[in-house]
Protein backbone atom coordinates (compact mmCIF):
# COMPACT_ATOMS: atom_id res chain seq x y z
CA UNK A 1 98.31 93.89 141.04
CA UNK A 2 101.65 95.48 140.11
CA UNK A 3 102.63 95.79 136.45
CA UNK A 4 106.17 96.47 135.29
CA UNK A 5 106.25 99.38 132.83
CA UNK A 6 108.83 98.53 130.16
CA UNK A 7 109.45 101.69 128.21
CA UNK A 8 108.57 105.35 128.46
CA UNK A 9 105.47 107.41 127.79
CA UNK A 10 106.01 110.61 125.82
CA UNK A 11 103.23 113.18 125.67
CA UNK A 12 102.57 116.49 123.96
CA UNK A 13 99.13 116.52 125.64
CA UNK A 14 97.61 116.66 122.15
CA UNK A 15 95.68 113.90 120.39
CA UNK A 16 96.85 113.13 116.84
CA UNK A 17 100.40 114.52 116.90
CA UNK A 18 102.73 112.74 114.44
CA UNK A 19 104.91 109.88 115.68
CA UNK A 20 108.22 109.54 113.82
CA UNK A 21 110.34 106.41 113.49
CA UNK A 22 113.64 106.87 115.30
CA UNK A 23 115.87 104.90 112.89
CA UNK A 24 115.75 103.21 109.48
CA UNK A 25 114.05 99.83 109.47
CA UNK A 26 111.26 97.53 108.36
CA UNK A 27 107.77 97.38 109.86
CA UNK A 28 107.40 93.82 111.18
CA UNK A 29 104.19 94.13 113.23
CA UNK A 30 101.14 96.39 113.06
CA UNK A 31 98.53 95.23 115.53
CA UNK A 32 96.18 96.01 118.42
CA UNK A 33 95.89 94.55 121.91
CA UNK A 34 94.30 95.60 125.20
CA UNK A 35 97.61 96.67 126.77
CA UNK A 36 99.32 98.56 123.94
CA UNK A 37 96.27 99.57 121.93
CA UNK A 38 97.33 100.25 118.33
CA UNK A 39 101.04 99.48 118.08
CA UNK A 40 103.87 99.11 115.60
CA UNK A 41 107.14 97.18 115.86
CA UNK A 42 110.00 98.23 113.60
CA UNK A 43 113.04 95.99 113.11
CA UNK A 44 116.29 97.95 112.85
CA UNK A 45 119.89 96.78 112.35
CA UNK A 46 121.86 94.61 114.77
CA UNK A 47 118.88 92.85 116.39
CA UNK A 48 117.38 96.14 117.62
CA UNK A 49 113.65 96.80 117.38
CA UNK A 50 111.37 99.58 118.61
CA UNK A 51 107.76 99.47 119.70
CA UNK A 52 105.47 102.50 119.37
CA UNK A 53 102.09 102.08 121.06
CA UNK A 54 98.82 103.72 122.16
CA UNK A 55 98.47 105.22 118.68
CA UNK A 56 95.19 106.78 117.55
CA UNK A 57 96.08 105.99 113.95
CA UNK A 58 98.70 103.87 112.17
CA UNK A 59 100.28 105.29 108.99
CA UNK A 60 102.35 102.25 107.90
CA UNK A 61 101.71 98.60 107.11
CA UNK A 62 103.55 95.33 107.66
CA UNK A 63 106.58 95.06 105.37
CA UNK A 64 107.05 98.80 104.77
CA UNK A 65 110.68 99.91 104.59
CA UNK A 66 110.91 103.21 106.46
CA UNK A 67 113.57 105.85 107.06
CA UNK A 68 114.41 107.78 110.20
CA UNK A 69 111.95 110.65 110.53
CA UNK A 70 109.10 109.04 108.57
CA UNK A 71 105.67 109.40 110.19
CA UNK A 72 104.47 105.98 111.36
CA UNK A 73 101.37 106.96 113.32
CA UNK A 74 99.57 109.54 115.45
CA UNK A 75 99.51 109.92 119.24
CA UNK A 76 96.45 108.58 120.99
CA UNK A 77 95.10 106.88 124.06
CA UNK A 78 94.28 103.35 122.88
CA UNK A 79 95.12 100.48 125.23
CA UNK A 80 95.96 100.87 128.92
CA UNK A 81 97.26 104.14 130.25
CA UNK A 82 96.41 107.59 131.45
CA UNK A 83 95.86 110.20 128.79
CA UNK A 84 97.22 110.83 125.32
CA UNK A 85 100.82 109.72 124.77
CA UNK A 86 103.24 107.62 122.79
CA UNK A 87 104.41 104.51 124.64
CA UNK A 88 107.93 103.75 123.34
CA UNK A 89 110.18 100.73 123.92
CA UNK A 90 113.58 99.65 122.62
CA UNK A 91 114.35 95.92 122.42
CA UNK A 92 117.77 94.38 121.86
CA UNK A 93 117.07 90.76 121.09
CA UNK A 94 114.58 89.65 123.75
CA UNK A 95 115.68 92.29 126.29
CA UNK A 96 113.84 95.57 126.82
CA UNK A 97 116.34 98.37 127.49
CA UNK A 98 115.99 101.88 128.89
CA UNK A 99 115.06 104.13 125.94
CA UNK A 100 116.36 107.24 127.70
CA UNK A 101 119.92 106.02 127.13
CA UNK A 102 119.32 106.14 123.37
CA UNK A 103 117.22 109.28 122.92
CA UNK A 104 118.71 112.68 122.17
CA UNK A 105 116.18 115.37 123.04
CA UNK A 106 118.31 118.08 121.40
CA UNK A 107 117.44 116.98 117.85
């Protein structure tokens, strides 16, 4: 069985590192499933949302208004995957887009 991987996995190789929200927004989903493990969806402006998954711990709750740089969770290995990481996706409407086009590793 082939699965399409929508998003990127970011790892520091350490369990429990902080995960920061990438832009201001509102937490619309905090949940768990077998694929993503512990995950959070944040709604941002202009129909953009981000998904942060595989978290060992969640530090926000549904409805929280958060600012860029706030800690939303800790890296982990819940759900499907290999090793400790943050699984990260960017959605514009119903489309999943390449997060690498939006990330600036220099900051």
